[in-house]
N, C-alpha and C. Protein backbone atom coordinates (compact mmCIF):
# COMPACT_ATOMS: atom_id res chain seq x y z
N MET A 1 18.34 11.54 7.86
CA MET A 1 18.41 11.48 6.29
C MET A 1 17.24 12.03 5.84
N PRO A 2 17.39 12.91 4.85
CA PRO A 2 16.19 13.50 4.30
C PRO A 2 15.58 12.67 3.29
N VAL A 3 14.30 12.65 3.36
CA VAL A 3 13.36 11.85 2.44
C VAL A 3 12.53 12.61 1.62
N THR A 4 12.39 12.55 0.42
CA THR A 4 11.48 13.25 -0.40
C THR A 4 10.50 12.29 -1.05
N VAL A 5 9.28 12.66 -1.03
CA VAL A 5 8.18 11.78 -1.67
C VAL A 5 7.66 12.53 -2.82
N ASP A 6 7.55 11.85 -4.06
CA ASP A 6 7.20 12.38 -5.32
C ASP A 6 6.35 11.30 -6.00
N ARG A 7 5.67 11.74 -7.05
CA ARG A 7 4.99 10.70 -7.91
C ARG A 7 6.04 9.93 -8.71
N ALA A 8 5.92 8.65 -8.76
CA ALA A 8 6.81 7.89 -9.58
C ALA A 8 6.41 7.94 -11.06
N GLY A 9 7.40 7.60 -11.91
CA GLY A 9 7.17 7.64 -13.36
C GLY A 9 7.57 6.23 -13.85
N LEU A 10 7.17 5.97 -14.89
CA LEU A 10 7.36 4.74 -15.78
C LEU A 10 8.86 4.32 -15.69
N TRP A 11 9.82 5.24 -15.79
CA TRP A 11 11.21 4.77 -15.45
C TRP A 11 11.50 4.36 -14.17
N ASP A 12 10.62 4.29 -13.19
CA ASP A 12 10.85 3.79 -11.76
C ASP A 12 10.32 2.39 -11.57
N ALA A 13 9.70 1.87 -12.67
CA ALA A 13 9.09 0.57 -12.55
C ALA A 13 9.97 -0.53 -11.93
N GLU A 14 11.12 -0.74 -12.55
CA GLU A 14 11.96 -1.84 -12.04
C GLU A 14 12.50 -1.54 -10.56
N ALA A 15 12.86 -0.19 -10.24
CA ALA A 15 13.26 -0.13 -8.79
C ALA A 15 12.10 -0.31 -7.89
N LEU A 16 10.84 0.14 -8.30
CA LEU A 16 9.63 -0.17 -7.40
C LEU A 16 9.58 -1.66 -7.20
N SER A 17 9.60 -2.39 -8.31
CA SER A 17 9.50 -3.83 -8.20
C SER A 17 10.57 -4.46 -7.11
N ASP A 18 11.72 -3.96 -7.32
CA ASP A 18 12.77 -4.40 -6.29
C ASP A 18 12.51 -4.14 -4.96
N VAL A 19 11.97 -2.94 -4.63
CA VAL A 19 11.47 -2.48 -3.29
C VAL A 19 10.37 -3.32 -3.00
N ALA A 20 9.37 -3.72 -3.85
CA ALA A 20 8.23 -4.52 -3.41
C ALA A 20 8.64 -5.85 -3.03
N ALA A 21 9.70 -6.44 -3.80
CA ALA A 21 10.07 -7.82 -3.68
C ALA A 21 10.77 -7.86 -2.32
N ALA A 22 11.49 -6.79 -1.97
CA ALA A 22 12.28 -6.79 -0.61
C ALA A 22 11.25 -6.58 0.61
N THR A 23 10.26 -5.96 0.35
CA THR A 23 9.35 -5.54 1.57
C THR A 23 8.05 -6.45 1.68
N PHE A 24 7.53 -6.81 0.57
CA PHE A 24 6.15 -7.55 0.69
C PHE A 24 6.35 -8.65 1.71
N PRO A 25 7.39 -9.50 1.62
CA PRO A 25 7.45 -10.78 2.53
C PRO A 25 7.43 -10.31 4.04
N LEU A 26 7.87 -9.14 4.32
CA LEU A 26 7.95 -8.65 5.80
C LEU A 26 6.59 -8.43 6.28
N ALA A 27 5.60 -8.08 5.44
CA ALA A 27 4.23 -7.81 5.90
C ALA A 27 3.34 -9.16 5.93
N CYS A 28 3.96 -10.25 5.45
CA CYS A 28 3.24 -11.47 5.33
C CYS A 28 3.18 -12.18 6.72
N PRO A 29 2.11 -12.88 7.10
CA PRO A 29 2.21 -13.67 8.40
C PRO A 29 3.36 -14.71 8.24
N PRO A 30 3.77 -15.15 9.43
CA PRO A 30 4.92 -16.08 9.45
C PRO A 30 4.60 -17.41 8.77
N HIS A 31 3.20 -17.75 8.58
CA HIS A 31 2.88 -19.15 7.93
C HIS A 31 2.74 -19.00 6.51
N ALA A 32 2.95 -17.88 6.03
CA ALA A 32 2.84 -17.68 4.52
C ALA A 32 4.07 -18.42 3.89
N THR A 33 3.93 -19.26 2.96
CA THR A 33 4.96 -20.07 2.41
C THR A 33 5.93 -19.28 1.41
N ALA A 34 7.09 -19.60 1.31
CA ALA A 34 8.11 -19.00 0.51
C ALA A 34 7.53 -18.97 -1.01
N ASP A 35 7.01 -20.07 -1.37
CA ASP A 35 6.51 -20.34 -2.83
C ASP A 35 5.27 -19.37 -3.11
N ASP A 36 4.35 -19.26 -2.16
CA ASP A 36 3.33 -18.42 -2.33
C ASP A 36 3.67 -16.93 -2.39
N ILE A 37 4.64 -16.49 -1.51
CA ILE A 37 5.05 -15.16 -1.62
C ILE A 37 5.78 -14.95 -2.93
N GLU A 38 6.66 -15.72 -3.34
CA GLU A 38 7.32 -15.76 -4.70
C GLU A 38 6.32 -15.63 -5.76
N SER A 39 5.33 -16.36 -5.69
CA SER A 39 4.28 -16.30 -6.78
C SER A 39 3.61 -14.97 -6.80
N PHE A 40 3.24 -14.45 -5.65
CA PHE A 40 2.60 -13.25 -5.49
C PHE A 40 3.30 -12.17 -6.12
N ILE A 41 4.64 -12.15 -5.69
CA ILE A 41 5.64 -11.10 -6.17
C ILE A 41 5.73 -11.15 -7.61
N ALA A 42 5.89 -12.41 -8.33
CA ALA A 42 6.02 -12.52 -9.68
C ALA A 42 4.66 -12.02 -10.34
N GLU A 43 3.58 -12.30 -9.90
CA GLU A 43 2.35 -11.98 -10.55
C GLU A 43 1.80 -10.49 -10.27
N VAL A 44 2.16 -9.89 -9.14
CA VAL A 44 1.48 -8.77 -8.77
C VAL A 44 2.58 -7.54 -8.70
N LEU A 45 3.81 -7.90 -8.38
CA LEU A 45 4.77 -6.81 -8.06
C LEU A 45 6.07 -6.82 -8.90
N SER A 46 5.85 -7.44 -10.15
CA SER A 46 6.95 -7.42 -11.08
C SER A 46 7.14 -6.10 -11.76
N GLY A 47 8.20 -5.86 -12.34
CA GLY A 47 8.57 -4.56 -13.07
C GLY A 47 7.53 -4.29 -14.12
N GLU A 48 7.06 -5.35 -14.87
CA GLU A 48 5.94 -5.17 -15.87
C GLU A 48 4.67 -4.74 -15.14
N ARG A 49 4.30 -5.36 -14.13
CA ARG A 49 3.16 -4.96 -13.50
C ARG A 49 3.06 -3.55 -12.98
N PHE A 50 4.35 -3.12 -12.46
CA PHE A 50 4.56 -1.69 -11.96
C PHE A 50 4.43 -0.88 -13.22
N GLY A 51 4.83 -1.29 -14.36
CA GLY A 51 4.71 -0.43 -15.55
C GLY A 51 3.15 -0.21 -15.85
N GLU A 52 2.36 -1.33 -15.71
CA GLU A 52 0.96 -1.13 -15.81
C GLU A 52 0.25 -0.23 -14.81
N TYR A 53 0.78 -0.44 -13.56
CA TYR A 53 0.17 0.52 -12.48
C TYR A 53 0.47 1.99 -12.80
N LEU A 54 1.82 2.13 -13.29
CA LEU A 54 2.26 3.57 -13.50
C LEU A 54 1.54 4.25 -14.64
N THR A 55 0.94 3.45 -15.54
CA THR A 55 0.34 4.00 -16.71
C THR A 55 -1.41 3.97 -16.63
N ASP A 56 -1.60 3.47 -15.41
CA ASP A 56 -3.12 3.28 -15.18
C ASP A 56 -3.66 4.73 -14.57
N PRO A 57 -4.71 5.22 -15.31
CA PRO A 57 -5.15 6.57 -14.86
C PRO A 57 -5.90 6.55 -13.54
N ALA A 58 -6.27 5.32 -13.04
CA ALA A 58 -6.95 5.10 -11.72
C ALA A 58 -5.99 5.02 -10.62
N ARG A 59 -4.70 5.05 -10.97
CA ARG A 59 -3.65 4.78 -9.90
C ARG A 59 -2.62 5.87 -9.84
N ILE A 60 -2.20 6.14 -8.68
CA ILE A 60 -0.90 6.93 -8.47
C ILE A 60 0.05 6.32 -7.51
N VAL A 61 1.23 6.25 -8.04
CA VAL A 61 2.34 5.61 -7.18
C VAL A 61 3.25 6.64 -6.73
N LEU A 62 3.37 6.82 -5.41
CA LEU A 62 4.24 7.70 -4.87
C LEU A 62 5.60 7.00 -4.48
N LYS A 63 6.69 7.65 -4.62
CA LYS A 63 7.99 6.99 -4.25
C LYS A 63 8.68 7.89 -3.24
N ALA A 64 9.31 7.15 -2.16
CA ALA A 64 10.05 7.87 -1.17
C ALA A 64 11.51 7.59 -1.55
N VAL A 65 12.23 8.69 -1.72
CA VAL A 65 13.77 8.72 -2.09
C VAL A 65 14.55 9.26 -1.05
N ALA A 66 15.63 8.45 -0.69
CA ALA A 66 16.55 8.87 0.22
C ALA A 66 18.12 8.60 -0.43
N ASN A 67 18.90 9.56 -0.43
CA ASN A 67 20.26 9.41 -1.07
C ASN A 67 20.16 8.85 -2.39
N GLY A 68 19.28 9.45 -3.24
CA GLY A 68 19.06 9.06 -4.57
C GLY A 68 18.46 7.65 -4.84
N ASP A 69 18.05 6.90 -3.82
CA ASP A 69 17.53 5.57 -4.16
C ASP A 69 16.03 5.60 -3.50
N ILE A 70 15.15 4.79 -4.35
CA ILE A 70 13.78 4.67 -3.80
C ILE A 70 13.92 3.60 -2.62
N VAL A 71 13.35 4.10 -1.45
CA VAL A 71 13.42 3.32 -0.23
C VAL A 71 12.03 2.83 0.24
N GLY A 72 10.96 3.40 -0.55
CA GLY A 72 9.70 3.10 -0.11
C GLY A 72 8.66 3.51 -1.15
N TYR A 73 7.44 2.99 -1.17
CA TYR A 73 6.42 3.57 -2.09
C TYR A 73 5.07 3.39 -1.44
N ALA A 74 4.12 4.03 -2.02
CA ALA A 74 2.68 3.88 -1.77
C ALA A 74 1.91 3.93 -3.08
N MET A 75 0.88 3.09 -3.08
CA MET A 75 0.09 3.10 -4.23
C MET A 75 -1.42 3.45 -3.94
N LEU A 76 -1.93 4.42 -4.62
CA LEU A 76 -3.32 4.80 -4.42
C LEU A 76 -4.06 4.38 -5.59
N HIS A 77 -5.33 3.92 -5.32
CA HIS A 77 -6.18 3.39 -6.23
C HIS A 77 -7.52 4.11 -6.09
N TYR A 78 -7.86 4.85 -7.21
CA TYR A 78 -9.28 5.52 -7.18
C TYR A 78 -10.32 4.69 -7.53
N GLY A 79 -11.44 4.96 -7.12
CA GLY A 79 -12.68 4.20 -7.54
C GLY A 79 -13.36 3.40 -6.41
N ASP A 80 -14.58 3.02 -6.61
CA ASP A 80 -15.37 2.17 -5.63
C ASP A 80 -14.57 0.84 -5.44
N PRO A 81 -14.63 0.26 -4.23
CA PRO A 81 -14.07 -1.03 -3.99
C PRO A 81 -14.77 -2.07 -4.87
N ALA A 82 -14.01 -3.04 -5.44
CA ALA A 82 -14.58 -4.10 -6.24
C ALA A 82 -15.12 -5.19 -5.31
N ASP A 83 -14.54 -5.47 -4.26
CA ASP A 83 -14.94 -6.54 -3.45
C ASP A 83 -16.19 -6.11 -2.58
N SER A 84 -17.35 -6.91 -2.68
CA SER A 84 -18.72 -6.55 -2.12
C SER A 84 -18.50 -6.40 -0.59
N GLU A 85 -17.75 -7.19 0.03
CA GLU A 85 -17.54 -6.95 1.47
C GLU A 85 -16.91 -5.72 1.92
N VAL A 86 -16.01 -5.25 0.94
CA VAL A 86 -15.23 -4.09 1.35
C VAL A 86 -16.18 -2.95 1.03
N ALA A 87 -16.95 -3.09 -0.19
CA ALA A 87 -17.83 -1.91 -0.52
C ALA A 87 -18.95 -1.66 0.61
N LYS A 88 -19.37 -2.77 1.33
CA LYS A 88 -20.27 -2.64 2.34
C LYS A 88 -19.49 -1.91 3.49
N ALA A 89 -18.32 -2.17 3.89
CA ALA A 89 -17.63 -1.64 4.94
C ALA A 89 -17.17 -0.14 4.70
N ILE A 90 -16.91 0.12 3.49
CA ILE A 90 -16.39 1.36 3.01
C ILE A 90 -17.59 2.14 2.44
N ASN A 91 -18.32 2.91 3.25
CA ASN A 91 -19.55 3.54 2.62
C ASN A 91 -19.29 5.09 2.29
N LEU A 92 -18.01 5.35 2.19
CA LEU A 92 -17.61 6.64 1.72
C LEU A 92 -17.61 6.81 0.07
N ARG A 93 -18.13 7.88 -0.40
CA ARG A 93 -17.96 7.96 -1.88
C ARG A 93 -17.84 9.46 -2.06
N PRO A 94 -16.89 9.90 -2.98
CA PRO A 94 -15.77 9.00 -3.64
C PRO A 94 -14.68 8.57 -2.50
N THR A 95 -13.90 7.62 -2.76
CA THR A 95 -12.89 7.18 -1.86
C THR A 95 -11.69 6.64 -2.69
N ILE A 96 -10.61 6.55 -1.99
CA ILE A 96 -9.31 6.15 -2.52
C ILE A 96 -8.90 5.04 -1.63
N GLU A 97 -8.47 3.98 -2.21
CA GLU A 97 -7.65 2.88 -1.47
C GLU A 97 -6.10 3.17 -1.50
N ILE A 98 -5.54 3.04 -0.23
CA ILE A 98 -4.01 3.01 -0.29
C ILE A 98 -3.81 1.57 -0.43
N SER A 99 -3.55 1.01 -1.54
CA SER A 99 -3.51 -0.44 -1.81
C SER A 99 -2.15 -0.94 -1.51
N LYS A 100 -1.17 -0.31 -1.32
CA LYS A 100 0.29 -0.73 -0.91
C LYS A 100 0.92 0.50 -0.39
N MET A 101 1.70 0.24 0.75
CA MET A 101 2.67 1.11 1.40
C MET A 101 3.71 0.36 2.11
N TYR A 102 4.88 0.38 1.51
CA TYR A 102 6.00 -0.31 1.96
C TYR A 102 7.28 0.47 2.09
N VAL A 103 8.11 0.21 3.12
CA VAL A 103 9.35 0.82 3.22
C VAL A 103 10.52 -0.25 3.52
N LEU A 104 11.62 -0.04 2.78
CA LEU A 104 12.69 -1.07 3.06
C LEU A 104 13.11 -1.03 4.56
N PRO A 105 13.40 -2.30 5.07
CA PRO A 105 13.68 -2.53 6.50
C PRO A 105 14.69 -1.65 7.05
N ASP A 106 15.71 -1.30 6.36
CA ASP A 106 16.82 -0.48 6.88
C ASP A 106 16.47 0.99 7.03
N HIS A 107 15.18 1.32 6.57
CA HIS A 107 14.73 2.71 6.66
C HIS A 107 13.50 2.80 7.68
N HIS A 108 13.24 1.75 8.26
CA HIS A 108 12.07 1.70 9.37
C HIS A 108 12.56 2.64 10.46
N GLY A 109 11.65 3.43 10.90
CA GLY A 109 12.04 4.38 12.11
C GLY A 109 12.65 5.60 11.61
N ALA A 110 12.78 5.80 10.32
CA ALA A 110 13.57 7.08 9.83
C ALA A 110 12.69 8.09 9.22
N GLY A 111 11.33 7.88 9.50
CA GLY A 111 10.48 8.97 8.93
C GLY A 111 9.99 8.68 7.50
N VAL A 112 10.24 7.56 6.90
CA VAL A 112 9.91 7.29 5.56
C VAL A 112 8.49 6.91 5.44
N SER A 113 7.91 6.13 6.37
CA SER A 113 6.44 5.69 6.35
C SER A 113 5.62 6.98 6.76
N GLN A 114 6.06 7.82 7.57
CA GLN A 114 5.41 9.08 7.89
C GLN A 114 5.27 10.01 6.74
N ALA A 115 6.41 10.08 5.99
CA ALA A 115 6.38 11.02 4.76
C ALA A 115 5.43 10.43 3.68
N LEU A 116 5.57 9.01 3.48
CA LEU A 116 4.54 8.49 2.45
C LEU A 116 3.15 8.65 2.90
N MET A 117 2.92 8.57 4.21
CA MET A 117 1.48 8.52 4.61
C MET A 117 0.93 9.95 4.35
N ASN A 118 1.75 10.95 4.89
CA ASN A 118 1.37 12.40 4.71
C ASN A 118 1.15 12.78 3.23
N ALA A 119 1.96 12.24 2.33
CA ALA A 119 1.79 12.52 0.85
C ALA A 119 0.61 11.83 0.35
N ALA A 120 0.35 10.56 0.82
CA ALA A 120 -0.82 9.81 0.40
C ALA A 120 -2.14 10.59 0.83
N LEU A 121 -2.15 11.02 2.02
CA LEU A 121 -3.34 11.70 2.57
C LEU A 121 -3.42 13.13 1.87
N LYS A 122 -2.36 13.65 1.63
CA LYS A 122 -2.49 14.97 0.79
C LYS A 122 -3.01 14.73 -0.43
N GLN A 123 -2.59 13.83 -1.22
CA GLN A 123 -2.91 13.54 -2.49
C GLN A 123 -4.57 13.22 -2.54
N ALA A 124 -4.87 12.46 -1.61
CA ALA A 124 -6.38 12.19 -1.40
C ALA A 124 -7.25 13.41 -1.08
N ARG A 125 -6.72 14.20 -0.17
CA ARG A 125 -7.49 15.45 0.02
C ARG A 125 -7.57 16.32 -1.16
N ASP A 126 -6.43 16.36 -1.84
CA ASP A 126 -6.34 17.14 -3.05
C ASP A 126 -7.36 16.64 -4.12
N GLU A 127 -7.68 15.48 -4.08
CA GLU A 127 -8.84 14.86 -5.02
C GLU A 127 -10.11 15.08 -4.49
N ALA A 128 -10.26 15.62 -3.24
CA ALA A 128 -11.47 16.02 -2.64
C ALA A 128 -12.42 14.74 -2.43
N VAL A 129 -11.69 13.67 -1.95
CA VAL A 129 -12.59 12.50 -1.76
C VAL A 129 -13.02 12.43 -0.15
N ALA A 130 -14.09 11.65 0.07
CA ALA A 130 -14.59 11.60 1.40
C ALA A 130 -13.66 11.00 2.42
N GLY A 131 -12.66 10.11 1.99
CA GLY A 131 -11.89 9.43 2.89
C GLY A 131 -11.03 8.43 2.05
N VAL A 132 -10.18 7.71 2.79
CA VAL A 132 -9.25 6.76 2.31
C VAL A 132 -9.55 5.46 3.00
N TRP A 133 -9.05 4.33 2.32
CA TRP A 133 -9.17 3.07 3.19
C TRP A 133 -8.02 2.16 2.58
N LEU A 134 -7.81 1.12 3.38
CA LEU A 134 -6.80 0.18 3.26
C LEU A 134 -7.06 -1.15 3.87
N GLY A 135 -6.31 -2.25 3.56
CA GLY A 135 -6.51 -3.53 4.14
C GLY A 135 -5.13 -3.77 4.65
N VAL A 136 -5.07 -4.39 5.84
CA VAL A 136 -3.89 -4.81 6.63
C VAL A 136 -4.17 -6.21 7.16
N ASN A 137 -3.07 -7.04 7.10
CA ASN A 137 -3.18 -8.38 7.55
C ASN A 137 -3.43 -8.20 9.15
N GLN A 138 -4.31 -9.19 9.60
CA GLN A 138 -4.70 -9.09 10.97
C GLN A 138 -3.71 -9.48 11.93
N GLU A 139 -2.65 -10.03 11.43
CA GLU A 139 -1.40 -10.47 12.20
C GLU A 139 -0.33 -9.36 12.30
N ASN A 140 -0.43 -8.30 11.41
CA ASN A 140 0.47 -7.26 11.26
C ASN A 140 0.26 -6.20 12.22
N VAL A 141 0.51 -6.27 13.50
CA VAL A 141 0.19 -5.45 14.52
C VAL A 141 0.86 -4.09 14.42
N ARG A 142 2.23 -4.12 13.98
CA ARG A 142 2.95 -2.95 13.77
C ARG A 142 2.34 -1.96 12.90
N ALA A 143 1.81 -2.47 11.59
CA ALA A 143 1.10 -1.69 10.66
C ALA A 143 -0.17 -1.28 11.09
N GLN A 144 -0.80 -1.98 11.83
CA GLN A 144 -2.17 -1.57 12.41
C GLN A 144 -1.95 -0.42 13.29
N ARG A 145 -0.94 -0.56 14.24
CA ARG A 145 -0.62 0.52 15.19
C ARG A 145 -0.34 1.80 14.36
N PHE A 146 0.45 1.83 13.29
CA PHE A 146 0.81 2.88 12.53
C PHE A 146 -0.49 3.55 11.94
N TYR A 147 -1.38 2.70 11.33
CA TYR A 147 -2.47 3.28 10.77
C TYR A 147 -3.52 3.92 11.85
N LEU A 148 -3.63 3.25 12.98
CA LEU A 148 -4.46 3.81 14.01
C LEU A 148 -3.92 5.15 14.51
N GLU A 149 -2.59 5.25 14.43
CA GLU A 149 -1.95 6.57 14.93
C GLU A 149 -2.23 7.63 13.92
N HIS A 150 -2.52 7.22 12.55
CA HIS A 150 -2.79 8.26 11.56
C HIS A 150 -4.34 8.43 11.39
N GLY A 151 -5.07 8.20 12.40
CA GLY A 151 -6.59 8.42 12.24
C GLY A 151 -7.43 7.35 11.54
N PHE A 152 -6.81 6.12 11.20
CA PHE A 152 -7.64 5.02 10.64
C PHE A 152 -8.43 4.33 11.79
N GLU A 153 -9.63 3.82 11.39
CA GLU A 153 -10.31 3.02 12.31
C GLU A 153 -10.64 1.60 11.62
N ARG A 154 -10.81 0.48 12.29
CA ARG A 154 -11.21 -0.68 11.71
C ARG A 154 -12.69 -0.62 11.52
N VAL A 155 -13.15 -1.12 10.20
CA VAL A 155 -14.49 -1.05 10.00
C VAL A 155 -15.03 -2.46 9.39
N GLY A 156 -14.09 -3.32 9.22
CA GLY A 156 -14.58 -4.66 8.76
C GLY A 156 -13.37 -5.59 8.38
N THR A 157 -13.56 -6.57 7.75
CA THR A 157 -12.69 -7.65 7.34
C THR A 157 -12.79 -8.02 5.88
N LYS A 158 -11.73 -8.58 5.36
CA LYS A 158 -11.71 -9.12 4.04
C LYS A 158 -10.68 -10.19 3.87
N THR A 159 -10.85 -10.86 2.84
CA THR A 159 -9.68 -11.93 2.63
C THR A 159 -8.79 -11.29 1.49
N PHE A 160 -7.55 -12.01 1.56
CA PHE A 160 -6.57 -11.54 0.73
C PHE A 160 -5.69 -12.75 0.34
N THR A 161 -5.64 -13.07 -0.97
CA THR A 161 -4.87 -14.26 -1.44
C THR A 161 -3.36 -13.95 -1.79
N VAL A 162 -2.59 -14.80 -1.26
CA VAL A 162 -1.13 -14.83 -1.62
C VAL A 162 -0.81 -16.14 -2.12
N GLY A 163 -0.56 -16.39 -3.51
CA GLY A 163 -0.32 -17.63 -4.08
C GLY A 163 -1.67 -18.48 -3.91
N SER A 164 -1.56 -19.55 -3.07
CA SER A 164 -2.66 -20.48 -2.98
C SER A 164 -3.15 -20.33 -1.47
N GLN A 165 -2.71 -19.41 -0.81
CA GLN A 165 -3.06 -19.15 0.59
C GLN A 165 -4.11 -18.07 0.68
N LEU A 166 -5.08 -18.24 1.67
CA LEU A 166 -6.03 -17.11 1.89
C LEU A 166 -5.82 -16.59 3.29
N PHE A 167 -5.71 -15.33 3.40
CA PHE A 167 -5.30 -14.55 4.59
C PHE A 167 -6.52 -13.55 4.96
N HIS A 168 -6.41 -13.16 6.21
CA HIS A 168 -7.61 -12.35 6.65
C HIS A 168 -7.02 -11.02 7.00
N ASP A 169 -7.56 -9.84 6.37
CA ASP A 169 -7.17 -8.53 6.74
C ASP A 169 -8.18 -7.77 7.37
N PHE A 170 -7.80 -6.86 8.17
CA PHE A 170 -8.78 -5.74 8.62
C PHE A 170 -8.85 -4.68 7.54
N ILE A 171 -10.07 -4.27 7.42
CA ILE A 171 -10.37 -3.02 6.46
C ILE A 171 -10.37 -1.78 7.44
N MET A 172 -9.44 -0.89 7.19
CA MET A 172 -9.35 0.27 7.96
C MET A 172 -9.71 1.58 6.98
N ARG A 173 -10.35 2.60 7.60
CA ARG A 173 -10.63 3.73 6.78
C ARG A 173 -10.24 4.90 7.79
N ARG A 174 -10.08 5.94 7.02
CA ARG A 174 -10.03 7.33 7.60
C ARG A 174 -10.92 8.28 6.83
N VAL A 175 -11.80 9.00 7.59
CA VAL A 175 -12.74 9.89 6.94
C VAL A 175 -12.20 11.26 7.04
N PHE A 176 -12.30 11.99 5.97
CA PHE A 176 -11.82 13.35 5.95
C PHE A 176 -12.98 14.34 6.31
């Protein structure tokens, strides 16, 4: 099935939120509670929040479309890391964070993740940054393997809050 990746617009906010709500729980560790996941989705991944992301000049949201439907997305965030631990581990300047990259489960293995990653890396190269970075839950082995296959390396750790729970992520970067 052909997949196209393009920059999302404000009109995509609700559809992106729907994809986020369906995919975010899949990336959470098994011990994440449903209440905490639901709280995170409401606070960070709502249609309103995607509207904010899509109008933020420091962010680009890429959408993957198959058969006319958004089946995945990636969010790029420009600027230096705000977290001091991340800033120490990511010594590249300028840099871009791939802050989110999710694909609907019925499209796993169909090349959507590959297309999103290629588009995200192209966007970063076009911006002439020194590299990109991301955080991935330490228990999400599948995602880690995907990032390692795309030239990322582990360079540190950070914490990530979902609702009332604190999780541990690996910081991964790719140098251009």
